[in-house]
Amino acid sequence: MGLTLDELADVARAKTRRRITVLRNLTGEEFREHMKRSNDPGRRYIVNFARDKIFGAGVGHFSPIGGYLKDEDLVFVLDVNEHYKPWLIQRQRLFSAMDTLDGDKKRGLLLIEDN
């Protein structure tokens, strides 16, 4: 099938010297705080979410986070899938799609930071 969040973290660690952190089991408030920090150029996030929770069909997916519009509470998702392309979504809705199981572990975020 595809990679798990932990497997993606291992790939990222092998390809960069940046600090890689798996963030899972986040609360809604912790997710909001990370989204606020996603506009920092020294931090990059990749979200692992259940596509069916947003689009009504599909399976787990990874997409980079492009940024967060705090006043509108919208997350900019840089979807690499040609069919979906980049899109905006309410933070709580993305959190709900991320706060699901992938096997026996929760989905989450991959944080990539400058050292």
PDB file of N, CA and C in Angstrom:
ATOM      1  N   MET A   1       0.853  -1.185   0.000  1.00  0.00           N
ATOM      2  CA  MET A   1       0.000   0.000   0.000  1.00  0.00           C
ATOM      3  C   MET A   1       0.895   1.243   0.000  1.00  0.00           C
ATOM      4  N   GLY A   2       1.006   1.916   1.116  1.00  0.00           N
ATOM      5  CA  GLY A   2       1.797   3.139   1.184  1.00  0.00           C
ATOM      6  C   GLY A   2       2.625   3.149   2.438  1.00  0.00           C
ATOM      7  N   LEU A   3       3.252   4.266   2.691  1.00  0.00           N
ATOM      8  CA  LEU A   3       4.088   4.418   3.867  1.00  0.00           C
ATOM      9  C   LEU A   3       3.260   4.812   5.088  1.00  0.00           C
ATOM     10  N   THR A   4       3.740   4.420   6.245  1.00  0.00           N
ATOM     11  CA  THR A   4       3.168   4.920   7.491  1.00  0.00           C
ATOM     12  C   THR A   4       3.880   6.232   7.833  1.00  0.00           C
ATOM     13  N   LEU A   5       3.380   6.934   8.809  1.00  0.00           N
ATOM     14  CA  LEU A   5       4.017   8.164   9.258  1.00  0.00           C
ATOM     15  C   LEU A   5       5.443   7.902   9.747  1.00  0.00           C
ATOM     16  N   ASP A   6       5.633   6.816  10.463  1.00  0.00           N
ATOM     17  CA  ASP A   6       6.972   6.471  10.955  1.00  0.00           C
ATOM     18  C   ASP A   6       7.918   6.125   9.809  1.00  0.00           C
ATOM     19  N   GLU A   7       7.417   5.429   8.805  1.00  0.00           N
ATOM     20  CA  GLU A   7       8.251   5.088   7.647  1.00  0.00           C
ATOM     21  C   GLU A   7       8.631   6.347   6.865  1.00  0.00           C
ATOM     22  N   LEU A   8       7.697   7.283   6.712  1.00  0.00           N
ATOM     23  CA  LEU A   8       8.015   8.533   6.041  1.00  0.00           C
ATOM     24  C   LEU A   8       9.081   9.303   6.830  1.00  0.00           C
ATOM     25  N   ALA A   9       8.976   9.283   8.147  1.00  0.00           N
ATOM     26  CA  ALA A   9       9.990   9.939   8.982  1.00  0.00           C
ATOM     27  C   ALA A   9      11.366   9.324   8.748  1.00  0.00           C
ATOM     28  N   ASP A  10      11.431   8.012   8.629  1.00  0.00           N
ATOM     29  CA  ASP A  10      12.709   7.339   8.369  1.00  0.00           C
ATOM     30  C   ASP A  10      13.279   7.758   7.010  1.00  0.00           C
ATOM     31  N   VAL A  11      12.441   7.845   5.999  1.00  0.00           N
ATOM     32  CA  VAL A  11      12.885   8.296   4.669  1.00  0.00           C
ATOM     33  C   VAL A  11      13.420   9.722   4.764  1.00  0.00           C
ATOM     34  N   ALA A  12      12.681  10.602   5.441  1.00  0.00           N
ATOM     35  CA  ALA A  12      13.113  11.991   5.579  1.00  0.00           C
ATOM     36  C   ALA A  12      14.443  12.089   6.317  1.00  0.00           C
ATOM     37  N   ARG A  13      14.621  11.306   7.360  1.00  0.00           N
ATOM     38  CA  ARG A  13      15.878  11.331   8.126  1.00  0.00           C
ATOM     39  C   ARG A  13      17.065  10.889   7.261  1.00  0.00           C
ATOM     40  N   ALA A  14      16.811   9.969   6.340  1.00  0.00           N
ATOM     41  CA  ALA A  14      17.870   9.482   5.461  1.00  0.00           C
ATOM     42  C   ALA A  14      18.213  10.498   4.367  1.00  0.00           C
ATOM     43  N   LYS A  15      17.317  11.436   4.095  1.00  0.00           N
ATOM     44  CA  LYS A  15      17.497  12.365   2.980  1.00  0.00           C
ATOM     45  C   LYS A  15      17.839  13.794   3.392  1.00  0.00           C
ATOM     46  N   THR A  16      17.812  14.106   4.680  1.00  0.00           N
ATOM     47  CA  THR A  16      18.087  15.468   5.120  1.00  0.00           C
ATOM     48  C   THR A  16      18.821  15.462   6.449  1.00  0.00           C
ATOM     49  N   ARG A  17      19.480  16.553   6.739  1.00  0.00           N
ATOM     50  CA  ARG A  17      20.136  16.715   8.040  1.00  0.00           C
ATOM     51  C   ARG A  17      19.248  17.495   9.001  1.00  0.00           C
ATOM     52  N   ARG A  18      18.087  17.896   8.540  1.00  0.00           N
ATOM     53  CA  ARG A  18      17.158  18.627   9.405  1.00  0.00           C
ATOM     54  C   ARG A  18      16.587  17.703  10.466  1.00  0.00           C
ATOM     55  N   ARG A  19      16.086  18.300  11.526  1.00  0.00           N
ATOM     56  CA  ARG A  19      15.474  17.536  12.617  1.00  0.00           C
ATOM     57  C   ARG A  19      14.086  17.082  12.179  1.00  0.00           C
ATOM     58  N   ILE A  20      13.805  15.800  12.346  1.00  0.00           N
ATOM     59  CA  ILE A  20      12.531  15.199  11.955  1.00  0.00           C
ATOM     60  C   ILE A  20      11.830  14.701  13.218  1.00  0.00           C
ATOM     61  N   THR A  21      10.568  15.125  13.401  1.00  0.00           N
ATOM     62  CA  THR A  21       9.809  14.713  14.572  1.00  0.00           C
ATOM     63  C   THR A  21       8.437  14.223  14.144  1.00  0.00           C
ATOM     64  N   VAL A  22       8.051  13.069  14.631  1.00  0.00           N
ATOM     65  CA  VAL A  22       6.699  12.552  14.418  1.00  0.00           C
ATOM     66  C   VAL A  22       5.817  13.096  15.539  1.00  0.00           C
ATOM     67  N   LEU A  23       4.729  13.734  15.157  1.00  0.00           N
ATOM     68  CA  LEU A  23       3.766  14.288  16.122  1.00  0.00           C
ATOM     69  C   LEU A  23       2.451  13.543  15.959  1.00  0.00           C
ATOM     70  N   ARG A  24       2.087  12.819  16.985  1.00  0.00           N
ATOM     71  CA  ARG A  24       0.872  12.010  16.907  1.00  0.00           C
ATOM     72  C   ARG A  24       0.137  12.136  18.240  1.00  0.00           C
ATOM     73  N   ASN A  25      -1.131  11.768  18.251  1.00  0.00           N
ATOM     74  CA  ASN A  25      -1.971  11.866  19.456  1.00  0.00           C
ATOM     75  C   ASN A  25      -2.093  13.312  19.942  1.00  0.00           C
ATOM     76  N   LEU A  26      -2.135  14.235  19.002  1.00  0.00           N
ATOM     77  CA  LEU A  26      -2.289  15.648  19.344  1.00  0.00           C
ATOM     78  C   LEU A  26      -3.733  15.952  19.727  1.00  0.00           C
ATOM     79  N   THR A  27      -3.894  16.930  20.598  1.00  0.00           N
ATOM     80  CA  THR A  27      -5.231  17.460  20.867  1.00  0.00           C
ATOM     81  C   THR A  27      -5.540  18.497  19.793  1.00  0.00           C
ATOM     82  N   GLY A  28      -6.771  18.909  19.713  1.00  0.00           N
ATOM     83  CA  GLY A  28      -7.153  19.948  18.771  1.00  0.00           C
ATOM     84  C   GLY A  28      -6.397  21.238  19.009  1.00  0.00           C
ATOM     85  N   GLU A  29      -6.185  21.573  20.276  1.00  0.00           N
ATOM     86  CA  GLU A  29      -5.449  22.807  20.605  1.00  0.00           C
ATOM     87  C   GLU A  29      -3.971  22.686  20.234  1.00  0.00           C
ATOM     88  N   GLU A  30      -3.362  21.526  20.460  1.00  0.00           N
ATOM     89  CA  GLU A  30      -1.961  21.325  20.058  1.00  0.00           C
ATOM     90  C   GLU A  30      -1.827  21.421  18.538  1.00  0.00           C
ATOM     91  N   PHE A  31      -2.790  20.855  17.823  1.00  0.00           N
ATOM     92  CA  PHE A  31      -2.779  20.938  16.364  1.00  0.00           C
ATOM     93  C   PHE A  31      -2.861  22.405  15.925  1.00  0.00           C
ATOM     94  N   ARG A  32      -3.729  23.189  16.555  1.00  0.00           N
ATOM     95  CA  ARG A  32      -3.856  24.611  16.230  1.00  0.00           C
ATOM     96  C   ARG A  32      -2.518  25.327  16.444  1.00  0.00           C
ATOM     97  N   GLU A  33      -1.855  25.053  17.547  1.00  0.00           N
ATOM     98  CA  GLU A  33      -0.571  25.700  17.822  1.00  0.00           C
ATOM     99  C   GLU A  33       0.471  25.352  16.764  1.00  0.00           C
ATOM    100  N   HIS A  34       0.485  24.103  16.323  1.00  0.00           N
ATOM    101  CA  HIS A  34       1.411  23.714  15.258  1.00  0.00           C
ATOM    102  C   HIS A  34       1.049  24.401  13.949  1.00  0.00           C
ATOM    103  N   MET A  35      -0.227  24.525  13.659  1.00  0.00           N
ATOM    104  CA  MET A  35      -0.620  25.211  12.427  1.00  0.00           C
ATOM    105  C   MET A  35      -0.208  26.676  12.466  1.00  0.00           C
ATOM    106  N   LYS A  36      -0.312  27.315  13.615  1.00  0.00           N
ATOM    107  CA  LYS A  36       0.150  28.702  13.752  1.00  0.00           C
ATOM    108  C   LYS A  36       1.642  28.802  13.446  1.00  0.00           C
ATOM    109  N   ARG A  37       2.384  27.793  13.827  1.00  0.00           N
ATOM    110  CA  ARG A  37       3.834  27.794  13.622  1.00  0.00           C
ATOM    111  C   ARG A  37       4.227  27.333  12.221  1.00  0.00           C
ATOM    112  N   SER A  38       3.263  26.880  11.430  1.00  0.00           N
ATOM    113  CA  SER A  38       3.574  26.387  10.077  1.00  0.00           C
ATOM    114  C   SER A  38       3.999  27.515   9.137  1.00  0.00           C
ATOM    115  N   ASN A  39       3.763  28.764   9.504  1.00  0.00           N
ATOM    116  CA  ASN A  39       4.186  29.894   8.673  1.00  0.00           C
ATOM    117  C   ASN A  39       5.658  30.258   8.888  1.00  0.00           C
ATOM    118  N   ASP A  40       6.296  29.643   9.869  1.00  0.00           N
ATOM    119  CA  ASP A  40       7.714  29.869  10.162  1.00  0.00           C
ATOM    120  C   ASP A  40       8.549  29.167   9.086  1.00  0.00           C
ATOM    121  N   PRO A  41       9.397  29.907   8.347  1.00  0.00           N
ATOM    122  CA  PRO A  41      10.171  29.273   7.266  1.00  0.00           C
ATOM    123  C   PRO A  41      11.160  28.208   7.746  1.00  0.00           C
ATOM    124  N   GLY A  42      11.463  28.167   9.036  1.00  0.00           N
ATOM    125  CA  GLY A  42      12.365  27.149   9.568  1.00  0.00           C
ATOM    126  C   GLY A  42      11.661  25.862   9.961  1.00  0.00           C
ATOM    127  N   ARG A  43      10.349  25.838   9.778  1.00  0.00           N
ATOM    128  CA  ARG A  43       9.544  24.657  10.147  1.00  0.00           C
ATOM    129  C   ARG A  43       8.682  24.271   8.953  1.00  0.00           C
ATOM    130  N   ARG A  44       8.657  23.003   8.650  1.00  0.00           N
ATOM    131  CA  ARG A  44       7.781  22.472   7.597  1.00  0.00           C
ATOM    132  C   ARG A  44       7.029  21.289   8.175  1.00  0.00           C
ATOM    133  N   TYR A  45       5.768  21.162   7.761  1.00  0.00           N
ATOM    134  CA  TYR A  45       4.919  20.077   8.242  1.00  0.00           C
ATOM    135  C   TYR A  45       4.387  19.273   7.067  1.00  0.00           C
ATOM    136  N   ILE A  46       4.263  17.984   7.284  1.00  0.00           N
ATOM    137  CA  ILE A  46       3.551  17.094   6.370  1.00  0.00           C
ATOM    138  C   ILE A  46       2.458  16.442   7.201  1.00  0.00           C
ATOM    139  N   VAL A  47       1.223  16.504   6.715  1.00  0.00           N
ATOM    140  CA  VAL A  47       0.093  15.941   7.449  1.00  0.00           C
ATOM    141  C   VAL A  47      -0.288  14.600   6.835  1.00  0.00           C
ATOM    142  N   ASN A  48      -0.552  13.635   7.689  1.00  0.00           N
ATOM    143  CA  ASN A  48      -1.063  12.325   7.290  1.00  0.00           C
ATOM    144  C   ASN A  48      -2.541  12.305   7.692  1.00  0.00           C
ATOM    145  N   PHE A  49      -3.436  12.169   6.720  1.00  0.00           N
ATOM    146  CA  PHE A  49      -4.862  12.249   7.005  1.00  0.00           C
ATOM    147  C   PHE A  49      -5.633  11.211   6.204  1.00  0.00           C
ATOM    148  N   ALA A  50      -6.858  10.956   6.635  1.00  0.00           N
ATOM    149  CA  ALA A  50      -7.757  10.042   5.927  1.00  0.00           C
ATOM    150  C   ALA A  50      -8.536  10.861   4.905  1.00  0.00           C
ATOM    151  N   ARG A  51      -8.237  10.647   3.639  1.00  0.00           N
ATOM    152  CA  ARG A  51      -8.851  11.425   2.562  1.00  0.00           C
ATOM    153  C   ARG A  51     -10.378  11.287   2.552  1.00  0.00           C
ATOM    154  N   ASP A  52     -10.899  10.115   2.920  1.00  0.00           N
ATOM    155  CA  ASP A  52     -12.349   9.919   2.896  1.00  0.00           C
ATOM    156  C   ASP A  52     -13.083  10.830   3.876  1.00  0.00           C
ATOM    157  N   LYS A  53     -12.414  11.240   4.961  1.00  0.00           N
ATOM    158  CA  LYS A  53     -13.049  12.130   5.938  1.00  0.00           C
ATOM    159  C   LYS A  53     -13.255  13.540   5.379  1.00  0.00           C
ATOM    160  N   ILE A  54     -12.519  13.866   4.338  1.00  0.00           N
ATOM    161  CA  ILE A  54     -12.635  15.191   3.722  1.00  0.00           C
ATOM    162  C   ILE A  54     -13.394  15.127   2.406  1.00  0.00           C
ATOM    163  N   PHE A  55     -13.055  14.154   1.568  1.00  0.00           N
ATOM    164  CA  PHE A  55     -13.608  14.093   0.222  1.00  0.00           C
ATOM    165  C   PHE A  55     -14.655  13.003   0.021  1.00  0.00           C
ATOM    166  N   GLY A  56     -14.922  12.205   1.057  1.00  0.00           N
ATOM    167  CA  GLY A  56     -15.939  11.164   0.952  1.00  0.00           C
ATOM    168  C   GLY A  56     -15.459   9.878   0.310  1.00  0.00           C
ATOM    169  N   ALA A  57     -14.219   9.853  -0.138  1.00  0.00           N
ATOM    170  CA  ALA A  57     -13.650   8.649  -0.753  1.00  0.00           C
ATOM    171  C   ALA A  57     -12.136   8.722  -0.616  1.00  0.00           C
ATOM    172  N   GLY A  58     -11.506   7.575  -0.745  1.00  0.00           N
ATOM    173  CA  GLY A  58     -10.053   7.522  -0.695  1.00  0.00           C
ATOM    174  C   GLY A  58      -9.559   6.906   0.589  1.00  0.00           C
ATOM    175  N   VAL A  59      -8.252   6.846   0.694  1.00  0.00           N
ATOM    176  CA  VAL A  59      -7.594   6.236   1.848  1.00  0.00           C
ATOM    177  C   VAL A  59      -6.628   7.247   2.452  1.00  0.00           C
ATOM    178  N   GLY A  60      -5.689   6.773   3.236  1.00  0.00           N
ATOM    179  CA  GLY A  60      -4.718   7.657   3.851  1.00  0.00           C
ATOM    180  C   GLY A  60      -3.856   8.373   2.824  1.00  0.00           C
ATOM    181  N   HIS A  61      -3.424   9.568   3.190  1.00  0.00           N
ATOM    182  CA  HIS A  61      -2.664  10.403   2.258  1.00  0.00           C
ATOM    183  C   HIS A  61      -1.732  11.317   3.042  1.00  0.00           C
ATOM    184  N   PHE A  62      -0.649  11.720   2.415  1.00  0.00           N
ATOM    185  CA  PHE A  62       0.281  12.700   2.961  1.00  0.00           C
ATOM    186  C   PHE A  62       0.263  13.938   2.089  1.00  0.00           C
ATOM    187  N   SER A  63       0.284  15.111   2.705  1.00  0.00           N
ATOM    188  CA  SER A  63       0.415  16.369   1.974  1.00  0.00           C
ATOM    189  C   SER A  63       1.195  17.364   2.818  1.00  0.00           C
ATOM    190  N   PRO A  64       2.026  18.182   2.175  1.00  0.00           N
ATOM    191  CA  PRO A  64       2.695  19.255   2.904  1.00  0.00           C
ATOM    192  C   PRO A  64       1.699  20.355   3.279  1.00  0.00           C
ATOM    193  N   ILE A  65       1.966  20.987   4.401  1.00  0.00           N
ATOM    194  CA  ILE A  65       1.189  22.152   4.831  1.00  0.00           C
ATOM    195  C   ILE A  65       1.897  23.389   4.294  1.00  0.00           C
ATOM    196  N   GLY A  66       1.168  24.223   3.562  1.00  0.00           N
ATOM    197  CA  GLY A  66       1.755  25.432   2.990  1.00  0.00           C
ATOM    198  C   GLY A  66       1.692  26.620   3.918  1.00  0.00           C
ATOM    199  N   GLY A  67       0.778  26.593   4.875  1.00  0.00           N
ATOM    200  CA  GLY A  67       0.651  27.702   5.806  1.00  0.00           C
ATOM    201  C   GLY A  67      -0.712  27.697   6.476  1.00  0.00           C
ATOM    202  N   TYR A  68      -0.910  28.703   7.313  1.00  0.00           N
ATOM    203  CA  TYR A  68      -2.131  28.795   8.110  1.00  0.00           C
ATOM    204  C   TYR A  68      -2.623  30.233   8.104  1.00  0.00           C
ATOM    205  N   LEU A  69      -3.891  30.412   7.810  1.00  0.00           N
ATOM    206  CA  LEU A  69      -4.543  31.716   7.869  1.00  0.00           C
ATOM    207  C   LEU A  69      -5.262  31.805   9.208  1.00  0.00           C
ATOM    208  N   LYS A  70      -4.601  32.414  10.177  1.00  0.00           N
ATOM    209  CA  LYS A  70      -5.092  32.423  11.557  1.00  0.00           C
ATOM    210  C   LYS A  70      -6.470  33.065  11.682  1.00  0.00           C
ATOM    211  N   ASP A  71      -6.660  34.230  11.080  1.00  0.00           N
ATOM    212  CA  ASP A  71      -7.933  34.946  11.226  1.00  0.00           C
ATOM    213  C   ASP A  71      -9.111  34.159  10.663  1.00  0.00           C
ATOM    214  N   GLU A  72      -8.867  33.391   9.607  1.00  0.00           N
ATOM    215  CA  GLU A  72      -9.927  32.578   8.987  1.00  0.00           C
ATOM    216  C   GLU A  72      -9.956  31.147   9.520  1.00  0.00           C
ATOM    217  N   ASP A  73      -8.914  30.760  10.285  1.00  0.00           N
ATOM    218  CA  ASP A  73      -8.749  29.400  10.813  1.00  0.00           C
ATOM    219  C   ASP A  73      -8.741  28.376   9.677  1.00  0.00           C
ATOM    220  N   LEU A  74      -7.973  28.698   8.615  1.00  0.00           N
ATOM    221  CA  LEU A  74      -7.866  27.835   7.446  1.00  0.00           C
ATOM    222  C   LEU A  74      -6.428  27.362   7.266  1.00  0.00           C
ATOM    223  N   VAL A  75      -6.282  26.100   6.894  1.00  0.00           N
ATOM    224  CA  VAL A  75      -4.976  25.508   6.601  1.00  0.00           C
ATOM    225  C   VAL A  75      -4.850  25.385   5.088  1.00  0.00           C
ATOM    226  N   PHE A  76      -3.679  25.781   4.568  1.00  0.00           N
ATOM    227  CA  PHE A  76      -3.380  25.666   3.148  1.00  0.00           C
ATOM    228  C   PHE A  76      -2.634  24.354   2.937  1.00  0.00           C
ATOM    229  N   VAL A  77      -3.274  23.416   2.254  1.00  0.00           N
ATOM    230  CA  VAL A  77      -2.710  22.085   2.026  1.00  0.00           C
ATOM    231  C   VAL A  77      -2.176  22.030   0.599  1.00  0.00           C
ATOM    232  N   LEU A  78      -0.897  21.726   0.471  1.00  0.00           N
ATOM    233  CA  LEU A  78      -0.246  21.654  -0.839  1.00  0.00           C
ATOM    234  C   LEU A  78      -0.336  20.225  -1.368  1.00  0.00           C
ATOM    235  N   ASP A  79      -1.532  19.817  -1.712  1.00  0.00           N
ATOM    236  CA  ASP A  79      -1.741  18.437  -2.172  1.00  0.00           C
ATOM    237  C   ASP A  79      -0.987  18.208  -3.471  1.00  0.00           C
ATOM    238  N   VAL A  80      -0.196  17.147  -3.498  1.00  0.00           N
ATOM    239  CA  VAL A  80       0.603  16.832  -4.677  1.00  0.00           C
ATOM    240  C   VAL A  80      -0.164  15.985  -5.687  1.00  0.00           C
ATOM    241  N   ASN A  81      -1.373  15.564  -5.336  1.00  0.00           N
ATOM    242  CA  ASN A  81      -2.200  14.781  -6.242  1.00  0.00           C
ATOM    243  C   ASN A  81      -2.777  15.713  -7.307  1.00  0.00           C
ATOM    244  N   GLU A  82      -2.543  15.418  -8.561  1.00  0.00           N
ATOM    245  CA  GLU A  82      -2.988  16.259  -9.675  1.00  0.00           C
ATOM    246  C   GLU A  82      -4.496  16.485  -9.669  1.00  0.00           C
ATOM    247  N   HIS A  83      -5.247  15.492  -9.217  1.00  0.00           N
ATOM    248  CA  HIS A  83      -6.706  15.606  -9.194  1.00  0.00           C
ATOM    249  C   HIS A  83      -7.182  16.638  -8.167  1.00  0.00           C
ATOM    250  N   TYR A  84      -6.513  16.723  -7.038  1.00  0.00           N
ATOM    251  CA  TYR A  84      -6.965  17.596  -5.953  1.00  0.00           C
ATOM    252  C   TYR A  84      -6.298  18.968  -5.967  1.00  0.00           C
ATOM    253  N   LYS A  85      -4.999  19.014  -6.263  1.00  0.00           N
ATOM    254  CA  LYS A  85      -4.221  20.252  -6.265  1.00  0.00           C
ATOM    255  C   LYS A  85      -4.267  20.926  -4.895  1.00  0.00           C
ATOM    256  N   PRO A  86      -3.616  22.079  -4.708  1.00  0.00           N
ATOM    257  CA  PRO A  86      -3.662  22.762  -3.402  1.00  0.00           C
ATOM    258  C   PRO A  86      -5.071  23.213  -3.042  1.00  0.00           C
ATOM    259  N   TRP A  87      -5.367  23.186  -1.725  1.00  0.00           N
ATOM    260  CA  TRP A  87      -6.700  23.574  -1.257  1.00  0.00           C
ATOM    261  C   TRP A  87      -6.627  24.130   0.151  1.00  0.00           C
ATOM    262  N   LEU A  88      -7.653  24.896   0.503  1.00  0.00           N
ATOM    263  CA  LEU A  88      -7.825  25.430   1.852  1.00  0.00           C
ATOM    264  C   LEU A  88      -8.884  24.624   2.577  1.00  0.00           C
ATOM    265  N   ILE A  89      -8.682  24.434   3.874  1.00  0.00           N
ATOM    266  CA  ILE A  89      -9.641  23.672   4.669  1.00  0.00           C
ATOM    267  C   ILE A  89      -9.678  24.244   6.080  1.00  0.00           C
ATOM    268  N   GLN A  90     -10.839  24.192   6.688  1.00  0.00           N
ATOM    269  CA  GLN A  90     -10.935  24.621   8.077  1.00  0.00           C
ATOM    270  C   GLN A  90     -10.057  23.705   8.930  1.00  0.00           C
ATOM    271  N   ARG A  91      -9.347  24.331   9.836  1.00  0.00           N
ATOM    272  CA  ARG A  91      -8.390  23.593  10.665  1.00  0.00           C
ATOM    273  C   ARG A  91      -9.034  22.412  11.381  1.00  0.00           C
ATOM    274  N   GLN A  92     -10.197  22.593  11.972  1.00  0.00           N
ATOM    275  CA  GLN A  92     -10.840  21.518  12.723  1.00  0.00           C
ATOM    276  C   GLN A  92     -11.188  20.330  11.821  1.00  0.00           C
ATOM    277  N   ARG A  93     -11.571  20.622  10.607  1.00  0.00           N
ATOM    278  CA  ARG A  93     -11.918  19.542   9.673  1.00  0.00           C
ATOM    279  C   ARG A  93     -10.673  18.728   9.293  1.00  0.00           C
ATOM    280  N   LEU A  94      -9.554  19.416   9.066  1.00  0.00           N
ATOM    281  CA  LEU A  94      -8.312  18.695   8.773  1.00  0.00           C
ATOM    282  C   LEU A  94      -7.866  17.906   9.996  1.00  0.00           C
ATOM    283  N   PHE A  95      -7.997  18.509  11.165  1.00  0.00           N
ATOM    284  CA  PHE A  95      -7.637  17.794  12.389  1.00  0.00           C
ATOM    285  C   PHE A  95      -8.452  16.506  12.522  1.00  0.00           C
ATOM    286  N   SER A  96      -9.741  16.571  12.264  1.00  0.00           N
ATOM    287  CA  SER A  96     -10.598  15.376  12.365  1.00  0.00           C
ATOM    288  C   SER A  96     -10.164  14.288  11.397  1.00  0.00           C
ATOM    289  N   ALA A  97      -9.709  14.673  10.205  1.00  0.00           N
ATOM    290  CA  ALA A  97      -9.240  13.690   9.224  1.00  0.00           C
ATOM    291  C   ALA A  97      -7.875  13.121   9.609  1.00  0.00           C
ATOM    292  N   MET A  98      -7.088  13.904  10.333  1.00  0.00           N
ATOM    293  CA  MET A  98      -5.793  13.439  10.812  1.00  0.00           C
ATOM    294  C   MET A  98      -5.941  12.583  12.067  1.00  0.00           C
ATOM    295  N   ASP A  99      -6.921  12.882  12.886  1.00  0.00           N
ATOM    296  CA  ASP A  99      -7.127  12.218  14.179  1.00  0.00           C
ATOM    297  C   ASP A  99      -7.835  10.874  13.978  1.00  0.00           C
ATOM    298  N   THR A 100      -7.285  10.060  13.096  1.00  0.00           N
ATOM    299  CA  THR A 100      -7.828   8.748  12.747  1.00  0.00           C
ATOM    300  C   THR A 100      -6.708   7.721  12.828  1.00  0.00           C
ATOM    301  N   LEU A 101      -7.080   6.470  12.763  1.00  0.00           N
ATOM    302  CA  LEU A 101      -6.087   5.402  12.845  1.00  0.00           C
ATOM    303  C   LEU A 101      -5.533   5.033  11.480  1.00  0.00           C
ATOM    304  N   ASP A 102      -4.235   4.718  11.469  1.00  0.00           N
ATOM    305  CA  ASP A 102      -3.569   4.102  10.331  1.00  0.00           C
ATOM    306  C   ASP A 102      -2.996   2.809  10.892  1.00  0.00           C
ATOM    307  N   GLY A 103      -3.732   1.720  10.718  1.00  0.00           N
ATOM    308  CA  GLY A 103      -3.367   0.477  11.388  1.00  0.00           C
ATOM    309  C   GLY A 103      -3.706   0.603  12.860  1.00  0.00           C
ATOM    310  N   ASP A 104      -2.705   0.417  13.720  1.00  0.00           N
ATOM    311  CA  ASP A 104      -2.950   0.494  15.162  1.00  0.00           C
ATOM    312  C   ASP A 104      -2.443   1.795  15.790  1.00  0.00           C
ATOM    313  N   LYS A 105      -1.979   2.731  14.955  1.00  0.00           N
ATOM    314  CA  LYS A 105      -1.482   4.008  15.456  1.00  0.00           C
ATOM    315  C   LYS A 105      -2.269   5.155  14.826  1.00  0.00           C
ATOM    316  N   LYS A 106      -2.325   6.255  15.564  1.00  0.00           N
ATOM    317  CA  LYS A 106      -2.969   7.451  15.034  1.00  0.00           C
ATOM    318  C   LYS A 106      -2.119   8.068  13.933  1.00  0.00           C
ATOM    319  N   ARG A 107      -2.793   8.697  12.996  1.00  0.00           N
ATOM    320  CA  ARG A 107      -2.118   9.527  12.010  1.00  0.00           C
ATOM    321  C   ARG A 107      -1.591  10.768  12.727  1.00  0.00           C
ATOM    322  N   GLY A 108      -0.900  11.636  12.030  1.00  0.00           N
ATOM    323  CA  GLY A 108      -0.391  12.825  12.680  1.00  0.00           C
ATOM    324  C   GLY A 108       0.359  13.718  11.724  1.00  0.00           C
ATOM    325  N   LEU A 109       1.314  14.425  12.278  1.00  0.00           N
ATOM    326  CA  LEU A 109       2.141  15.367  11.518  1.00  0.00           C
ATOM    327  C   LEU A 109       3.586  14.921  11.534  1.00  0.00           C
ATOM    328  N   LEU A 110       4.282  15.244  10.474  1.00  0.00           N
ATOM    329  CA  LEU A 110       5.733  15.108  10.431  1.00  0.00           C
ATOM    330  C   LEU A 110       6.276  16.524  10.449  1.00  0.00           C
ATOM    331  N   LEU A 111       7.074  16.844  11.439  1.00  0.00           N
ATOM    332  CA  LEU A 111       7.675  18.165  11.564  1.00  0.00           C
ATOM    333  C   LEU A 111       9.123  18.098  11.093  1.00  0.00           C
ATOM    334  N   ILE A 112       9.464  18.969  10.162  1.00  0.00           N
ATOM    335  CA  ILE A 112      10.823  19.049   9.636  1.00  0.00           C
ATOM    336  C   ILE A 112      11.341  20.449   9.991  1.00  0.00           C
ATOM    337  N   GLU A 113      12.416  20.505  10.795  1.00  0.00           N
ATOM    338  CA  GLU A 113      12.925  21.776  11.294  1.00  0.00           C
ATOM    339  C   GLU A 113      14.394  21.978  10.946  1.00  0.00           C
ATOM    340  N   ASP A 114      14.762  23.243  10.790  1.00  0.00           N
ATOM    341  CA  ASP A 114      16.172  23.579  10.686  1.00  0.00           C
ATOM    342  C   ASP A 114      16.832  23.218  12.004  1.00  0.00           C
ATOM    343  N   ASN A 115      18.063  22.811  11.946  1.00  0.00           N
ATOM    344  CA  ASN A 115      18.804  22.469  13.180  1.00  0.00           C
ATOM    345  C   ASN A 115      19.220  23.692  13.939  1.00  0.00           C
TER     346      ASN A 115
END
